[in-house]
N, C-alpha and C. Protein backbone atom coordinates (compact mmCIF):
# COMPACT_ATOMS: atom_id res chain seq x y z
N MET A 1 50.73 85.55 79.55
CA MET A 1 51.57 87.07 80.20
C MET A 1 52.56 86.84 79.50
N ALA A 2 53.36 87.75 78.56
CA ALA A 2 54.71 88.16 78.70
C ALA A 2 55.81 87.27 79.09
N LYS A 3 56.59 86.59 78.28
CA LYS A 3 57.90 85.96 79.51
C LYS A 3 58.46 87.48 79.49
N LYS A 4 59.14 87.52 80.62
CA LYS A 4 59.94 88.66 80.80
C LYS A 4 62.02 88.61 80.70
N GLY A 5 62.14 89.51 79.91
CA GLY A 5 63.54 89.61 79.09
C GLY A 5 64.93 89.65 80.26
N LYS A 6 65.94 88.43 80.04
CA LYS A 6 67.13 88.94 80.80
C LYS A 6 67.54 89.98 80.43
N LYS A 7 68.15 89.88 82.41
CA LYS A 7 68.79 91.37 82.33
C LYS A 7 69.99 91.52 82.02
N THR A 8 70.57 92.56 80.79
CA THR A 8 71.36 92.03 80.30
C THR A 8 72.43 93.30 80.62
N ARG A 9 72.04 94.53 81.59
CA ARG A 9 72.80 95.56 81.33
C ARG A 9 73.03 96.49 80.49
N SER A 10 74.53 97.25 79.93
CA SER A 10 74.66 98.02 79.15
C SER A 10 75.19 96.74 77.96
N ALA A 11 76.03 95.91 78.41
CA ALA A 11 76.30 95.00 77.50
C ALA A 11 75.68 93.85 76.43
N GLY A 12 74.17 94.00 76.78
CA GLY A 12 73.10 93.90 75.85
C GLY A 12 73.36 94.14 74.56
N LYS A 13 73.99 95.11 74.18
CA LYS A 13 74.46 95.98 72.77
C LYS A 13 74.97 94.41 71.87
N TYR A 14 75.44 93.96 72.41
CA TYR A 14 76.79 93.15 71.73
C TYR A 14 76.29 91.94 71.79
N GLY A 15 74.94 91.34 72.18
CA GLY A 15 73.68 90.35 71.63
C GLY A 15 74.83 88.80 72.27
N PRO A 16 74.32 88.48 71.43
CA PRO A 16 75.20 86.80 72.08
C PRO A 16 76.76 86.79 71.85
N ARG A 17 77.59 87.58 71.08
CA ARG A 17 78.82 87.97 70.42
C ARG A 17 79.50 88.39 71.97
N TYR A 18 80.85 87.38 71.88
CA TYR A 18 82.26 87.82 72.49
C TYR A 18 82.09 87.00 74.01
N GLY A 19 81.45 86.32 73.78
CA GLY A 19 81.29 85.66 75.30
C GLY A 19 80.73 85.98 76.68
N ARG A 20 80.16 85.29 77.20
CA ARG A 20 79.89 85.83 78.94
C ARG A 20 80.68 86.52 79.59
N LYS A 21 81.92 85.68 79.68
CA LYS A 21 82.57 86.25 80.82
C LYS A 21 82.88 88.48 79.98
N ILE A 22 83.51 88.35 78.93
CA ILE A 22 83.85 89.77 78.22
C ILE A 22 82.92 90.28 78.92
N ARG A 23 81.22 90.38 77.71
CA ARG A 23 80.44 91.19 78.24
C ARG A 23 79.76 91.25 79.43
N LYS A 24 80.33 90.78 80.70
CA LYS A 24 80.19 91.05 82.09
C LYS A 24 81.20 91.81 82.24
N LEU A 25 82.92 92.28 82.29
CA LEU A 25 83.14 92.42 82.15
C LEU A 25 83.45 94.19 81.52
N ALA A 26 82.52 94.22 80.38
CA ALA A 26 82.36 95.38 79.65
C ALA A 26 81.35 96.42 80.55
N ALA A 27 80.21 95.04 80.95
CA ALA A 27 78.85 95.71 81.56
C ALA A 27 79.40 96.45 83.09
N ASP A 28 80.87 95.73 83.48
CA ASP A 28 81.01 96.48 85.06
C ASP A 28 81.46 97.93 84.97
N ILE A 29 82.73 97.71 83.47
CA ILE A 29 83.39 98.95 83.09
C ILE A 29 82.89 100.33 83.24
N GLU A 30 81.87 99.50 82.12
CA GLU A 30 80.83 100.73 81.54
C GLU A 30 79.72 101.39 82.87
N GLU A 31 79.66 101.07 84.01
CA GLU A 31 79.15 101.16 85.11
C GLU A 31 80.18 101.78 86.00
N ARG A 32 81.22 101.78 85.85
CA ARG A 32 82.27 102.40 86.86
C ARG A 32 82.26 103.64 86.01
N VAL A 33 82.32 103.77 84.39
CA VAL A 33 82.61 105.26 84.06
C VAL A 33 81.40 105.81 84.28
N HIS A 34 80.11 105.49 84.07
CA HIS A 34 78.96 106.54 84.12
C HIS A 34 78.97 106.85 85.64
N ILE A 35 78.73 106.35 86.70
CA ILE A 35 77.83 107.57 87.36
C ILE A 35 78.95 107.94 88.12
N LYS A 36 78.37 108.79 88.98
CA LYS A 36 78.91 110.71 89.14
C LYS A 36 79.76 110.15 90.83
N TYR A 37 81.24 110.13 90.75
CA TYR A 37 81.75 110.66 91.97
C TYR A 37 81.85 111.59 92.60
N LYS A 38 82.48 111.71 93.46
CA LYS A 38 82.08 113.10 94.61
C LYS A 38 84.09 113.76 94.63
N CYS A 39 83.84 115.05 94.33
CA CYS A 39 84.90 115.78 93.92
C CYS A 39 85.66 116.01 94.61
N PRO A 40 87.04 115.77 95.05
CA PRO A 40 87.85 116.06 96.35
C PRO A 40 87.92 117.41 96.77
N GLN A 41 87.76 118.45 95.67
CA GLN A 41 87.85 119.54 96.46
C GLN A 41 86.38 119.96 96.90
N CYS A 42 85.11 120.31 96.33
CA CYS A 42 84.01 120.43 96.44
C CYS A 42 83.14 119.90 97.22
N GLU A 43 83.41 118.21 97.30
CA GLU A 43 82.88 117.32 98.47
C GLU A 43 81.27 116.58 97.68
N ASN A 44 81.00 117.16 96.00
CA ASN A 44 79.74 117.31 95.65
C ASN A 44 79.61 115.98 94.60
N TYR A 45 78.65 115.40 94.89
CA TYR A 45 78.98 113.76 93.61
C TYR A 45 78.73 114.87 91.95
N SER A 46 79.12 115.60 91.38
CA SER A 46 79.09 115.52 90.06
C SER A 46 80.22 115.39 89.30
N VAL A 47 81.16 114.50 90.06
CA VAL A 47 82.55 113.86 89.01
C VAL A 47 81.85 113.41 87.88
N LYS A 48 82.34 114.05 86.57
CA LYS A 48 82.33 112.23 85.32
C LYS A 48 83.38 112.72 84.34
N ARG A 49 83.45 111.56 83.96
CA ARG A 49 84.72 111.64 83.36
C ARG A 49 84.49 111.95 81.90
N VAL A 50 85.68 112.60 81.53
CA VAL A 50 85.93 113.99 80.47
C VAL A 50 86.49 112.68 79.26
N GLY A 51 87.40 111.72 79.45
CA GLY A 51 88.79 111.20 78.86
C GLY A 51 89.08 110.17 79.45
N THR A 52 90.09 109.99 78.70
CA THR A 52 90.56 108.52 79.36
C THR A 52 91.69 109.01 80.65
N ALA A 53 90.87 109.18 81.73
CA ALA A 53 91.79 109.19 82.92
C ALA A 53 91.40 110.55 83.19
N ILE A 54 90.70 111.54 82.75
CA ILE A 54 90.37 113.02 83.26
C ILE A 54 89.14 112.76 83.50
N TRP A 55 89.05 113.31 84.71
CA TRP A 55 87.77 113.78 85.73
C TRP A 55 87.84 115.30 85.73
N LYS A 56 86.17 115.61 85.65
CA LYS A 56 85.73 116.91 86.02
C LYS A 56 84.83 117.22 86.62
N CYS A 57 84.70 118.45 87.66
CA CYS A 57 83.14 118.60 88.50
C CYS A 57 82.35 119.63 87.82
N SER A 58 81.43 118.96 87.48
CA SER A 58 80.49 119.84 86.83
C SER A 58 80.01 120.83 87.91
N LYS A 59 80.04 120.90 89.07
CA LYS A 59 79.54 122.21 90.18
C LYS A 59 80.68 122.86 90.25
N CYS A 60 81.85 122.37 90.27
CA CYS A 60 83.09 123.92 90.62
C CYS A 60 84.14 123.55 89.70
N GLY A 61 84.11 123.07 88.56
CA GLY A 61 84.47 122.99 86.82
C GLY A 61 86.48 122.61 87.68
N TYR A 62 86.71 121.81 88.67
CA TYR A 62 87.80 121.17 89.09
C TYR A 62 87.99 119.93 88.20
N THR A 63 89.08 120.48 87.45
CA THR A 63 89.44 119.30 86.39
C THR A 63 90.68 118.38 87.44
N PHE A 64 90.88 116.61 86.80
CA PHE A 64 91.98 116.28 87.78
C PHE A 64 92.32 114.80 86.96
N ALA A 65 93.45 114.53 87.51
CA ALA A 65 93.54 113.39 86.27
C ALA A 65 93.38 111.97 87.55
N GLY A 66 93.19 110.90 86.85
CA GLY A 66 92.73 109.83 87.75
C GLY A 66 92.94 108.25 87.17
N GLY A 67 92.17 107.53 87.65
CA GLY A 67 92.13 106.49 87.13
C GLY A 67 91.38 106.14 85.24
N THR A 68 91.50 105.27 84.87
CA THR A 68 90.93 105.29 83.63
C THR A 68 89.51 105.30 83.78
N TYR A 69 89.47 104.17 84.97
CA TYR A 69 87.56 103.72 84.75
C TYR A 69 87.15 104.68 86.29
N GLN A 70 87.64 105.26 86.81
CA GLN A 70 87.62 105.77 88.12
C GLN A 70 88.77 106.65 88.75
N PRO A 71 87.81 107.77 89.06
CA PRO A 71 88.88 108.58 89.42
C PRO A 71 90.01 108.36 90.69
N LYS A 72 89.66 107.73 91.72
CA LYS A 72 90.93 107.42 92.28
C LYS A 72 90.88 105.62 92.00
N THR A 73 92.38 105.21 92.21
CA THR A 73 92.16 103.68 91.59
C THR A 73 92.45 102.93 92.76
N PRO A 74 92.24 101.46 92.87
CA PRO A 74 92.43 100.73 94.16
C PRO A 74 93.59 101.05 94.77
N VAL A 75 95.06 101.04 94.11
CA VAL A 75 96.27 101.45 94.68
C VAL A 75 96.21 102.47 95.18
N TYR A 76 95.99 103.53 94.94
CA TYR A 76 95.83 105.17 95.42
C TYR A 76 95.26 104.93 97.16
N SER A 77 93.51 104.13 96.56
CA SER A 77 93.17 104.11 97.48
C SER A 77 93.51 103.61 99.16
N SER A 78 94.59 102.56 98.56
CA SER A 78 94.85 101.68 99.53
C SER A 78 96.40 102.72 100.21
N LEU A 79 96.84 103.58 99.21
CA LEU A 79 98.03 104.33 99.60
C LEU A 79 97.63 105.35 100.87
N GLU A 80 96.48 105.86 99.93
CA GLU A 80 96.16 106.77 101.03
C GLU A 80 95.30 106.29 102.83
N ALA A 81 95.04 105.29 102.54
CA ALA A 81 94.63 104.74 104.23
C ALA A 81 95.87 104.21 105.32
N LYS A 82 97.18 104.02 104.25
CA LYS A 82 98.03 103.27 105.15
C LYS A 82 98.73 104.39 105.53
N SER A 83 98.63 105.60 104.84
CA SER A 83 99.01 107.25 105.34
C SER A 83 98.62 108.01 106.00
N LYS A 84 96.89 107.62 106.61
CA LYS A 84 96.66 107.62 107.80
C LYS A 84 97.28 107.82 109.34
């Protein structure tokens, strides 16, 4: 039976280059960028990244500025929680 390969996630494209820690950080960032987020206007999970810090809902067409890798940054989320 063949040996199962390692799970490298999206950082497998770098092979053995750049070191394990950097590849892990890159894989974490790429996962956060490519998942669909909840739209602040229509509440559907259809927000995708258009460019650096620009996010767009594919359902309602709402475009807004957010974080570079996530629509809501951790700082924004903590401020939002404190204001409630």
